[in-house]
Amino acid sequence: MAGCCDNHCSLDRMRERQRGTLQIVLAINAAMFFVIAGAAVYGKSTSLLADSLDNLGDALTYALSLYAVTKDATVKAKVALFKGALIGLASITVIAQIGYKFYVPTMPIFEVMGGFSLLGLIANGLCLFLLWRHRHEDVNMSSVWECSRNDIAANLSVFVAAGAVWLTGSGWPDIVVAIGLVLLLIRSSGRVISSAIKELRT
């Protein structure tokens, strides 16, 4: 009986740790979505917009993950499946914006791109640090970790694009990086959905 109690108490403690971490990263990503989306509109940057939508997707992901913390493996897998679909939806939104830029080209403001991509990098670096210890605990937390890791790559890509816009005096680097971020989102969506389906089958 004592062993069962120990296992149950240990599981409860892990869930409480997960819940606390998810609440923090949810707040960070929700705030960063509004900040970076505003900067993307002002700075006319498609790659920065993709970055902000990634933050929105993450905020929704963390909210769903909070719901799934105390659920069984089947529910967690279903939530992970939905999170994969959300990531895919974000990629479609950016594809539409890229298509618009081909017809209505604009010159993004590289200072805005660079400054806010660095701000996003700091925020997402903090999220990644907080989620590190949870990355192998279950399918729910591993999918959260996947989202957060993608954010770092996205922020660095936008920063590089800002430098390329400055050097070339062209808006094309912004579009090229946005395309790269779309591919990253699609790959991540596939991974999360694949892991969730595998979990459901077992």
C-alpha atoms as a PDB file:
ATOM      1  CA  MET A   1       0.000   0.000   0.000  1.00  0.00           C
ATOM      2  CA  ALA A   2       2.826   2.362   0.889  1.00  0.00           C
ATOM      3  CA  GLY A   3       4.361   1.773  -2.551  1.00  0.00           C
ATOM      4  CA  CYS A   4       1.081   2.647  -4.264  1.00  0.00           C
ATOM      5  CA  CYS A   5       0.775   5.776  -2.160  1.00  0.00           C
ATOM      6  CA  ASP A   6       4.342   6.767  -2.992  1.00  0.00           C
ATOM      7  CA  ASN A   7       3.703   6.302  -6.709  1.00  0.00           C
ATOM      8  CA  HIS A   8       0.445   8.248  -6.560  1.00  0.00           C
ATOM      9  CA  CYS A   9       2.012  11.100  -4.585  1.00  0.00           C
ATOM     10  CA  SER A  10       4.973  11.208  -6.969  1.00  0.00           C
ATOM     11  CA  LEU A  11       2.600  11.434  -9.948  1.00  0.00           C
ATOM     12  CA  ASP A  12       0.636  14.229  -8.269  1.00  0.00           C
ATOM     13  CA  ARG A  13       3.836  16.169  -7.633  1.00  0.00           C
ATOM     14  CA  MET A  14       4.916  15.778 -11.260  1.00  0.00           C
ATOM     15  CA  ARG A  15       1.526  17.016 -12.458  1.00  0.00           C
ATOM     16  CA  GLU A  16       1.696  20.032 -10.170  1.00  0.00           C
ATOM     17  CA  ARG A  17       5.160  20.865 -11.527  1.00  0.00           C
ATOM     18  CA  GLN A  18       3.872  20.519 -15.077  1.00  0.00           C
ATOM     19  CA  ARG A  19       0.865  22.718 -14.342  1.00  0.00           C
ATOM     20  CA  GLY A  20       3.001  25.455 -12.781  1.00  0.00           C
ATOM     21  CA  THR A  21       5.431  25.481 -15.710  1.00  0.00           C
ATOM     22  CA  LEU A  22       2.635  25.541 -18.295  1.00  0.00           C
ATOM     23  CA  GLN A  23       0.925  28.475 -16.601  1.00  0.00           C
ATOM     24  CA  ILE A  24       4.132  30.522 -16.812  1.00  0.00           C
ATOM     25  CA  VAL A  25       4.919  29.721 -20.456  1.00  0.00           C
ATOM     26  CA  LEU A  26       1.282  30.279 -21.421  1.00  0.00           C
ATOM     27  CA  ALA A  27       1.397  33.810 -19.981  1.00  0.00           C
ATOM     28  CA  ILE A  28       4.712  34.552 -21.719  1.00  0.00           C
ATOM     29  CA  ASN A  29       3.522  33.362 -25.142  1.00  0.00           C
ATOM     30  CA  ALA A  30       0.148  35.082 -24.935  1.00  0.00           C
ATOM     31  CA  ALA A  31       1.859  38.387 -24.131  1.00  0.00           C
ATOM     32  CA  MET A  32       4.478  37.905 -26.862  1.00  0.00           C
ATOM     33  CA  PHE A  33       1.811  37.198 -29.486  1.00  0.00           C
ATOM     34  CA  PHE A  34       0.238  40.636 -29.014  1.00  0.00           C
ATOM     35  CA  VAL A  35       3.601  42.400 -28.845  1.00  0.00           C
ATOM     36  CA  ILE A  36       5.148  40.728 -31.897  1.00  0.00           C
ATOM     37  CA  ALA A  37       1.944  40.752 -33.978  1.00  0.00           C
ATOM     38  CA  GLY A  38       1.717  44.517 -33.446  1.00  0.00           C
ATOM     39  CA  ALA A  39       5.369  44.883 -34.412  1.00  0.00           C
ATOM     40  CA  ALA A  40       4.828  42.716 -37.530  1.00  0.00           C
ATOM     41  CA  VAL A  41       1.955  44.887 -38.736  1.00  0.00           C
ATOM     42  CA  TYR A  42       3.887  48.093 -38.047  1.00  0.00           C
ATOM     43  CA  GLY A  43       7.112  46.740 -39.540  1.00  0.00           C
ATOM     44  CA  LYS A  44       5.369  45.105 -42.554  1.00  0.00           C
ATOM     45  CA  SER A  45       7.227  41.845 -41.937  1.00  0.00           C
ATOM     46  CA  THR A  46       5.818  38.480 -43.014  1.00  0.00           C
ATOM     47  CA  SER A  47       8.480  36.506 -41.135  1.00  0.00           C
ATOM     48  CA  LEU A  48       7.731  38.438 -37.946  1.00  0.00           C
ATOM     49  CA  LEU A  49       4.022  37.747 -38.480  1.00  0.00           C
ATOM     50  CA  ALA A  50       4.823  34.035 -38.786  1.00  0.00           C
ATOM     51  CA  ASP A  51       6.753  34.314 -35.537  1.00  0.00           C
ATOM     52  CA  SER A  52       3.792  35.951 -33.777  1.00  0.00           C
ATOM     53  CA  LEU A  53       1.365  33.295 -35.037  1.00  0.00           C
ATOM     54  CA  ASP A  54       3.757  30.693 -33.688  1.00  0.00           C
ATOM     55  CA  ASN A  55       3.449  32.373 -30.286  1.00  0.00           C
ATOM     56  CA  LEU A  56      -0.343  32.324 -30.572  1.00  0.00           C
ATOM     57  CA  GLY A  57      -0.283  28.650 -31.500  1.00  0.00           C
ATOM     58  CA  ASP A  58       1.972  27.964 -28.540  1.00  0.00           C
ATOM     59  CA  ALA A  59      -0.314  29.850 -26.158  1.00  0.00           C
ATOM     60  CA  LEU A  60      -3.256  27.738 -27.328  1.00  0.00           C
ATOM     61  CA  THR A  61      -1.060  24.644 -27.079  1.00  0.00           C
ATOM     62  CA  TYR A  62      -0.087  25.404 -23.499  1.00  0.00           C
ATOM     63  CA  ALA A  63      -3.707  26.074 -22.562  1.00  0.00           C
ATOM     64  CA  LEU A  64      -4.708  22.680 -23.994  1.00  0.00           C
ATOM     65  CA  SER A  65      -1.745  21.050 -22.280  1.00  0.00           C
ATOM     66  CA  LEU A  66      -2.872  22.479 -18.950  1.00  0.00           C
ATOM     67  CA  TYR A  67      -6.211  20.792 -19.511  1.00  0.00           C
ATOM     68  CA  ALA A  68      -4.497  17.483 -20.330  1.00  0.00           C
ATOM     69  CA  VAL A  69      -2.053  17.404 -17.381  1.00  0.00           C
ATOM     70  CA  THR A  70      -4.358  15.360 -15.121  1.00  0.00           C
ATOM     71  CA  LYS A  71      -5.905  13.269 -17.909  1.00  0.00           C
ATOM     72  CA  ASP A  72      -5.019   9.747 -19.008  1.00  0.00           C
ATOM     73  CA  ALA A  73      -2.670   8.861 -21.881  1.00  0.00           C
ATOM     74  CA  THR A  74      -5.498   8.629 -24.439  1.00  0.00           C
ATOM     75  CA  VAL A  75      -6.768  12.150 -23.714  1.00  0.00           C
ATOM     76  CA  LYS A  76      -3.204  13.495 -23.778  1.00  0.00           C
ATOM     77  CA  ALA A  77      -2.655  11.904 -27.180  1.00  0.00           C
ATOM     78  CA  LYS A  78      -5.890  13.439 -28.514  1.00  0.00           C
ATOM     79  CA  VAL A  79      -4.853  16.870 -27.221  1.00  0.00           C
ATOM     80  CA  ALA A  80      -1.438  16.440 -28.849  1.00  0.00           C
ATOM     81  CA  LEU A  81      -3.219  15.557 -32.107  1.00  0.00           C
ATOM     82  CA  PHE A  82      -5.235  18.778 -31.901  1.00  0.00           C
ATOM     83  CA  LYS A  83      -2.060  20.743 -31.158  1.00  0.00           C
ATOM     84  CA  GLY A  84      -0.471  19.310 -34.295  1.00  0.00           C
ATOM     85  CA  ALA A  85      -3.477  20.498 -36.289  1.00  0.00           C
ATOM     86  CA  LEU A  86      -3.134  24.004 -34.790  1.00  0.00           C
ATOM     87  CA  ILE A  87       0.495  24.180 -35.873  1.00  0.00           C
ATOM     88  CA  GLY A  88      -0.592  23.156 -39.376  1.00  0.00           C
ATOM     89  CA  LEU A  89      -3.265  25.883 -39.382  1.00  0.00           C
ATOM     90  CA  ALA A  90      -0.655  28.508 -38.451  1.00  0.00           C
ATOM     91  CA  SER A  91       1.436  27.423 -41.444  1.00  0.00           C
ATOM     92  CA  ILE A  92      -1.547  27.875 -43.789  1.00  0.00           C
ATOM     93  CA  THR A  93      -2.075  31.412 -42.464  1.00  0.00           C
ATOM     94  CA  VAL A  94       1.533  32.336 -43.204  1.00  0.00           C
ATOM     95  CA  ILE A  95       1.333  30.773 -46.681  1.00  0.00           C
ATOM     96  CA  ALA A  96      -1.634  33.064 -47.419  1.00  0.00           C
ATOM     97  CA  GLN A  97       0.381  36.088 -46.243  1.00  0.00           C
ATOM     98  CA  ILE A  98       3.340  35.066 -48.408  1.00  0.00           C
ATOM     99  CA  GLY A  99       1.027  34.767 -51.423  1.00  0.00           C
ATOM    100  CA  TYR A 100      -0.288  38.266 -50.726  1.00  0.00           C
ATOM    101  CA  LYS A 101       3.271  39.651 -50.567  1.00  0.00           C
ATOM    102  CA  PHE A 102       4.030  38.247 -54.016  1.00  0.00           C
ATOM    103  CA  TYR A 103       1.191  40.343 -55.463  1.00  0.00           C
ATOM    104  CA  VAL A 104       1.624  43.373 -53.191  1.00  0.00           C
ATOM    105  CA  PRO A 105       5.342  43.599 -52.342  1.00  0.00           C
ATOM    106  CA  THR A 106       6.332  45.806 -49.416  1.00  0.00           C
ATOM    107  CA  MET A 107       9.631  46.739 -47.820  1.00  0.00           C
ATOM    108  CA  PRO A 108       9.776  45.614 -44.172  1.00  0.00           C
ATOM    109  CA  ILE A 109      11.427  47.764 -41.486  1.00  0.00           C
ATOM    110  CA  PHE A 110      14.555  45.802 -40.583  1.00  0.00           C
ATOM    111  CA  GLU A 111      15.059  47.604 -37.243  1.00  0.00           C
ATOM    112  CA  VAL A 112      11.635  46.401 -36.076  1.00  0.00           C
ATOM    113  CA  MET A 113      12.313  42.874 -37.322  1.00  0.00           C
ATOM    114  CA  GLY A 114      15.679  42.664 -35.587  1.00  0.00           C
ATOM    115  CA  GLY A 115      14.641  44.235 -32.292  1.00  0.00           C
ATOM    116  CA  PHE A 116      11.474  42.230 -31.787  1.00  0.00           C
ATOM    117  CA  SER A 117      13.010  38.953 -32.951  1.00  0.00           C
ATOM    118  CA  LEU A 118      15.629  39.386 -30.199  1.00  0.00           C
ATOM    119  CA  LEU A 119      12.889  40.138 -27.678  1.00  0.00           C
ATOM    120  CA  GLY A 120      11.110  36.966 -28.781  1.00  0.00           C
ATOM    121  CA  LEU A 121      14.350  35.007 -28.510  1.00  0.00           C
ATOM    122  CA  ILE A 122      14.763  36.055 -24.873  1.00  0.00           C
ATOM    123  CA  ALA A 123      11.158  35.150 -24.025  1.00  0.00           C
ATOM    124  CA  ASN A 124      11.272  31.794 -25.810  1.00  0.00           C
ATOM    125  CA  GLY A 125      14.670  30.991 -24.353  1.00  0.00           C
ATOM    126  CA  LEU A 126      13.121  31.359 -20.912  1.00  0.00           C
ATOM    127  CA  CYS A 127      10.233  29.070 -21.918  1.00  0.00           C
ATOM    128  CA  LEU A 128      12.650  26.459 -23.261  1.00  0.00           C
ATOM    129  CA  PHE A 129      14.627  26.569 -20.027  1.00  0.00           C
ATOM    130  CA  LEU A 130      11.479  26.068 -17.951  1.00  0.00           C
ATOM    131  CA  LEU A 131      10.250  23.175 -20.125  1.00  0.00           C
ATOM    132  CA  TRP A 132      13.587  21.353 -20.328  1.00  0.00           C
ATOM    133  CA  ARG A 133      13.011  19.045 -17.362  1.00  0.00           C
ATOM    134  CA  HIS A 134       9.545  18.036 -18.621  1.00  0.00           C
ATOM    135  CA  ARG A 135      10.474  17.130 -22.205  1.00  0.00           C
ATOM    136  CA  HIS A 136      10.490  13.330 -21.702  1.00  0.00           C
ATOM    137  CA  GLU A 137       7.708  12.988 -19.115  1.00  0.00           C
ATOM    138  CA  ASP A 138       4.780  12.198 -21.464  1.00  0.00           C
ATOM    139  CA  VAL A 139       3.418  12.866 -24.971  1.00  0.00           C
ATOM    140  CA  ASN A 140       1.663  16.003 -23.737  1.00  0.00           C
ATOM    141  CA  MET A 141       4.834  17.651 -22.441  1.00  0.00           C
ATOM    142  CA  SER A 142       7.049  16.392 -25.258  1.00  0.00           C
ATOM    143  CA  SER A 143       4.758  18.098 -27.804  1.00  0.00           C
ATOM    144  CA  VAL A 144       4.994  21.313 -25.770  1.00  0.00           C
ATOM    145  CA  TRP A 145       8.775  21.000 -25.814  1.00  0.00           C
ATOM    146  CA  GLU A 146       8.683  20.552 -29.608  1.00  0.00           C
ATOM    147  CA  CYS A 147       6.738  23.809 -30.009  1.00  0.00           C
ATOM    148  CA  SER A 148       9.100  25.755 -27.758  1.00  0.00           C
ATOM    149  CA  ARG A 149      12.229  24.478 -29.503  1.00  0.00           C
ATOM    150  CA  ASN A 150      10.823  25.616 -32.858  1.00  0.00           C
ATOM    151  CA  ASP A 151      10.358  29.116 -31.461  1.00  0.00           C
ATOM    152  CA  ILE A 152      14.094  29.553 -30.915  1.00  0.00           C
ATOM    153  CA  ALA A 153      14.825  28.643 -34.547  1.00  0.00           C
ATOM    154  CA  ALA A 154      12.077  31.007 -35.704  1.00  0.00           C
ATOM    155  CA  ASN A 155      13.435  33.955 -33.709  1.00  0.00           C
ATOM    156  CA  LEU A 156      16.978  33.415 -34.983  1.00  0.00           C
ATOM    157  CA  SER A 157      15.707  33.142 -38.564  1.00  0.00           C
ATOM    158  CA  VAL A 158      13.816  36.441 -38.344  1.00  0.00           C
ATOM    159  CA  PHE A 159      16.897  38.139 -36.888  1.00  0.00           C
ATOM    160  CA  VAL A 160      19.018  36.868 -39.797  1.00  0.00           C
ATOM    161  CA  ALA A 161      16.325  38.045 -42.231  1.00  0.00           C
ATOM    162  CA  ALA A 162      16.433  41.519 -40.683  1.00  0.00           C
ATOM    163  CA  GLY A 163      20.174  41.688 -41.339  1.00  0.00           C
ATOM    164  CA  ALA A 164      19.687  40.490 -44.915  1.00  0.00           C
ATOM    165  CA  VAL A 165      16.977  43.102 -45.547  1.00  0.00           C
ATOM    166  CA  TRP A 166      19.357  45.786 -44.271  1.00  0.00           C
ATOM    167  CA  LEU A 167      22.257  44.537 -46.417  1.00  0.00           C
ATOM    168  CA  THR A 168      20.313  44.027 -49.639  1.00  0.00           C
ATOM    169  CA  GLY A 169      17.743  46.804 -49.360  1.00  0.00           C
ATOM    170  CA  SER A 170      15.152  44.256 -50.465  1.00  0.00           C
ATOM    171  CA  GLY A 171      12.123  42.632 -48.866  1.00  0.00           C
ATOM    172  CA  TRP A 172      12.880  39.211 -50.344  1.00  0.00           C
ATOM    173  CA  PRO A 173      14.891  37.902 -47.359  1.00  0.00           C
ATOM    174  CA  ASP A 174      11.782  38.444 -45.225  1.00  0.00           C
ATOM    175  CA  ILE A 175       9.707  36.286 -47.583  1.00  0.00           C
ATOM    176  CA  VAL A 176      12.397  33.611 -47.913  1.00  0.00           C
ATOM    177  CA  VAL A 177      12.640  33.239 -44.132  1.00  0.00           C
ATOM    178  CA  ALA A 178       8.847  33.179 -43.852  1.00  0.00           C
ATOM    179  CA  ILE A 179       8.818  30.259 -46.312  1.00  0.00           C
ATOM    180  CA  GLY A 180      11.450  28.513 -44.192  1.00  0.00           C
ATOM    181  CA  LEU A 181       9.336  29.024 -41.071  1.00  0.00           C
ATOM    182  CA  VAL A 182       6.328  27.553 -42.860  1.00  0.00           C
ATOM    183  CA  LEU A 183       8.346  24.427 -43.677  1.00  0.00           C
ATOM    184  CA  LEU A 184       9.439  24.221 -40.028  1.00  0.00           C
ATOM    185  CA  LEU A 185       5.835  24.526 -38.870  1.00  0.00           C
ATOM    186  CA  ILE A 186       4.674  21.825 -41.291  1.00  0.00           C
ATOM    187  CA  ARG A 187       7.471  19.483 -40.145  1.00  0.00           C
ATOM    188  CA  SER A 188       6.647  20.104 -36.492  1.00  0.00           C
ATOM    189  CA  SER A 189       2.947  19.537 -37.130  1.00  0.00           C
ATOM    190  CA  GLY A 190       3.731  16.202 -38.775  1.00  0.00           C
ATOM    191  CA  ARG A 191       5.912  15.105 -35.867  1.00  0.00           C
ATOM    192  CA  VAL A 192       3.350  15.967 -33.203  1.00  0.00           C
ATOM    193  CA  ILE A 193       0.492  14.335 -35.118  1.00  0.00           C
ATOM    194  CA  SER A 194       2.584  11.232 -35.805  1.00  0.00           C
ATOM    195  CA  SER A 195       3.521  10.860 -32.117  1.00  0.00           C
ATOM    196  CA  ALA A 196      -0.101  11.348 -31.053  1.00  0.00           C
ATOM    197  CA  ILE A 197      -1.401   8.730 -33.509  1.00  0.00           C
ATOM    198  CA  LYS A 198       1.261   6.278 -32.339  1.00  0.00           C
ATOM    199  CA  GLU A 199       0.229   6.871 -28.729  1.00  0.00           C
ATOM    200  CA  LEU A 200      -3.445   6.341 -29.573  1.00  0.00           C
ATOM    201  CA  ARG A 201      -2.686   3.064 -31.311  1.00  0.00           C
ATOM    202  CA  THR A 202      -0.782   1.712 -28.306  1.00  0.00           C
END
